[in-house]
Amino acid sequence: MVCGISALTLLGAVARRIGGGRGRHAVGSGSTDPGARESVAQMAAELDALRDEVTGLRREMDEAQNRLDFTERLLAQARERGLLGAQKER
């Protein structure tokens, strides 16, 4: 979850940098500077990679949450049937 939040924060920063307008090097400004084009292309590729990573992290988090829910249901059923010892007070 921490990785997902970090990735989203980084993704937002990259998106702001791409769309935030840095003088004549802003995306869509018509700059003819090859260095600016290369930089924008590189940031776009990094943004795509981050999106893919966030999608993967979300999938993993959903799977882990489903497994946790399943385990909690199994433990609740076992507790109801008396298969587990009494829960100790802290």
C-alpha atoms as a PDB file:
ATOM      1  CA  MET A   1       0.000   0.000   0.000  1.00  0.00           C
ATOM      2  CA  VAL A   2       2.864   2.356   0.829  1.00  0.00           C
ATOM      3  CA  CYS A   3       4.451   1.532  -2.529  1.00  0.00           C
ATOM      4  CA  GLY A   4       1.184   2.294  -4.281  1.00  0.00           C
ATOM      5  CA  ILE A   5       0.836   5.672  -2.599  1.00  0.00           C
ATOM      6  CA  SER A   6       4.464   6.498  -3.362  1.00  0.00           C
ATOM      7  CA  ALA A   7       4.016   5.508  -6.992  1.00  0.00           C
ATOM      8  CA  LEU A   8       0.877   7.637  -7.294  1.00  0.00           C
ATOM      9  CA  THR A   9       2.676  10.611  -5.769  1.00  0.00           C
ATOM     10  CA  LEU A  10       5.562  10.183  -8.184  1.00  0.00           C
ATOM     11  CA  LEU A  11       3.153   9.742 -11.069  1.00  0.00           C
ATOM     12  CA  GLY A  12       1.421  13.009 -10.155  1.00  0.00           C
ATOM     13  CA  ALA A  13       4.748  14.844 -10.001  1.00  0.00           C
ATOM     14  CA  VAL A  14       5.736  13.558 -13.437  1.00  0.00           C
ATOM     15  CA  ALA A  15       2.342  14.514 -14.866  1.00  0.00           C
ATOM     16  CA  ARG A  16       2.641  18.014 -13.394  1.00  0.00           C
ATOM     17  CA  ARG A  17       6.101  18.380 -14.866  1.00  0.00           C
ATOM     18  CA  ILE A  18       4.945  17.254 -18.286  1.00  0.00           C
ATOM     19  CA  GLY A  19       1.812  19.392 -18.316  1.00  0.00           C
ATOM     20  CA  GLY A  20       2.893  22.173 -15.996  1.00  0.00           C
ATOM     21  CA  GLY A  21       4.497  24.307 -18.663  1.00  0.00           C
ATOM     22  CA  ARG A  22       8.164  25.102 -18.271  1.00  0.00           C
ATOM     23  CA  GLY A  23       8.511  28.028 -20.621  1.00  0.00           C
ATOM     24  CA  ARG A  24       8.929  27.095 -24.257  1.00  0.00           C
ATOM     25  CA  HIS A  25       9.585  23.438 -23.413  1.00  0.00           C
ATOM     26  CA  ALA A  26       6.021  22.691 -22.376  1.00  0.00           C
ATOM     27  CA  VAL A  27       4.255  19.801 -24.045  1.00  0.00           C
ATOM     28  CA  GLY A  28       2.384  20.981 -27.105  1.00  0.00           C
ATOM     29  CA  SER A  29       4.180  24.349 -27.229  1.00  0.00           C
ATOM     30  CA  GLY A  30       5.670  23.659 -30.660  1.00  0.00           C
ATOM     31  CA  SER A  31       9.282  23.694 -29.464  1.00  0.00           C
ATOM     32  CA  THR A  32      11.795  22.640 -32.095  1.00  0.00           C
ATOM     33  CA  ASP A  33      14.554  21.897 -29.580  1.00  0.00           C
ATOM     34  CA  PRO A  34      15.485  18.206 -30.053  1.00  0.00           C
ATOM     35  CA  GLY A  35      16.599  17.995 -26.427  1.00  0.00           C
ATOM     36  CA  ALA A  36      13.176  19.139 -25.259  1.00  0.00           C
ATOM     37  CA  ARG A  37      11.431  16.593 -27.473  1.00  0.00           C
ATOM     38  CA  GLU A  38      13.692  13.823 -26.226  1.00  0.00           C
ATOM     39  CA  SER A  39      13.088  14.859 -22.624  1.00  0.00           C
ATOM     40  CA  VAL A  40       9.314  14.891 -23.124  1.00  0.00           C
ATOM     41  CA  ALA A  41       9.433  11.499 -24.837  1.00  0.00           C
ATOM     42  CA  GLN A  42      11.510  10.088 -21.993  1.00  0.00           C
ATOM     43  CA  MET A  43       9.127  11.455 -19.347  1.00  0.00           C
ATOM     44  CA  ALA A  44       6.130  10.086 -21.269  1.00  0.00           C
ATOM     45  CA  ALA A  45       7.771   6.660 -21.349  1.00  0.00           C
ATOM     46  CA  GLU A  46       8.491   6.865 -17.613  1.00  0.00           C
ATOM     47  CA  LEU A  47       4.889   7.909 -16.976  1.00  0.00           C
ATOM     48  CA  ASP A  48       3.624   4.903 -18.936  1.00  0.00           C
ATOM     49  CA  ALA A  49       5.943   2.628 -16.964  1.00  0.00           C
ATOM     50  CA  LEU A  50       4.699   4.109 -13.679  1.00  0.00           C
ATOM     51  CA  ARG A  51       1.084   3.643 -14.748  1.00  0.00           C
ATOM     52  CA  ASP A  52       1.801  -0.003 -15.521  1.00  0.00           C
ATOM     53  CA  GLU A  53       3.506  -0.437 -12.157  1.00  0.00           C
ATOM     54  CA  VAL A  54       0.608   1.187 -10.287  1.00  0.00           C
ATOM     55  CA  THR A  55      -1.831  -1.064 -12.132  1.00  0.00           C
ATOM     56  CA  GLY A  56       0.210  -4.093 -11.074  1.00  0.00           C
ATOM     57  CA  LEU A  57       0.383  -2.873  -7.474  1.00  0.00           C
ATOM     58  CA  ARG A  58      -3.381  -2.348  -7.403  1.00  0.00           C
ATOM     59  CA  ARG A  59      -3.903  -5.870  -8.724  1.00  0.00           C
ATOM     60  CA  GLU A  60      -1.581  -7.302  -6.065  1.00  0.00           C
ATOM     61  CA  MET A  61      -3.278  -5.273  -3.329  1.00  0.00           C
ATOM     62  CA  ASP A  62      -6.731  -6.461  -4.450  1.00  0.00           C
ATOM     63  CA  GLU A  63      -5.526 -10.061  -4.431  1.00  0.00           C
ATOM     64  CA  ALA A  64      -4.026  -9.691  -0.957  1.00  0.00           C
ATOM     65  CA  GLN A  65      -7.234  -8.079   0.325  1.00  0.00           C
ATOM     66  CA  ASN A  66      -9.306 -10.938  -1.108  1.00  0.00           C
ATOM     67  CA  ARG A  67      -7.037 -13.483   0.566  1.00  0.00           C
ATOM     68  CA  LEU A  68      -7.270 -11.633   3.865  1.00  0.00           C
ATOM     69  CA  ASP A  69     -11.068 -11.507   3.664  1.00  0.00           C
ATOM     70  CA  PHE A  70     -11.196 -15.229   2.892  1.00  0.00           C
ATOM     71  CA  THR A  71      -8.899 -16.042   5.810  1.00  0.00           C
ATOM     72  CA  GLU A  72     -10.971 -13.914   8.183  1.00  0.00           C
ATOM     73  CA  ARG A  73     -14.132 -15.741   7.107  1.00  0.00           C
ATOM     74  CA  LEU A  74     -12.486 -19.130   7.660  1.00  0.00           C
ATOM     75  CA  LEU A  75     -11.277 -18.102  11.115  1.00  0.00           C
ATOM     76  CA  ALA A  76     -14.724 -16.769  12.042  1.00  0.00           C
ATOM     77  CA  GLN A  77     -16.324 -20.064  10.973  1.00  0.00           C
ATOM     78  CA  ALA A  78     -13.766 -22.077  12.934  1.00  0.00           C
ATOM     79  CA  ARG A  79     -14.350 -19.894  15.996  1.00  0.00           C
ATOM     80  CA  GLU A  80     -18.143 -20.375  15.718  1.00  0.00           C
ATOM     81  CA  ARG A  81     -17.696 -24.158  15.551  1.00  0.00           C
ATOM     82  CA  GLY A  82     -15.452 -24.110  18.575  1.00  0.00           C
ATOM     83  CA  LEU A  83     -12.434 -25.321  16.647  1.00  0.00           C
ATOM     84  CA  LEU A  84     -10.301 -22.477  17.957  1.00  0.00           C
ATOM     85  CA  GLY A  85      -9.486 -21.795  21.583  1.00  0.00           C
ATOM     86  CA  ALA A  86     -11.152 -18.946  23.393  1.00  0.00           C
ATOM     87  CA  GLN A  87      -9.749 -15.564  22.541  1.00  0.00           C
ATOM     88  CA  LYS A  88      -7.560 -14.258  25.371  1.00  0.00           C
ATOM     89  CA  GLU A  89      -8.085 -10.767  26.758  1.00  0.00           C
ATOM     90  CA  ARG A  90      -5.051  -8.496  26.548  1.00  0.00           C
END
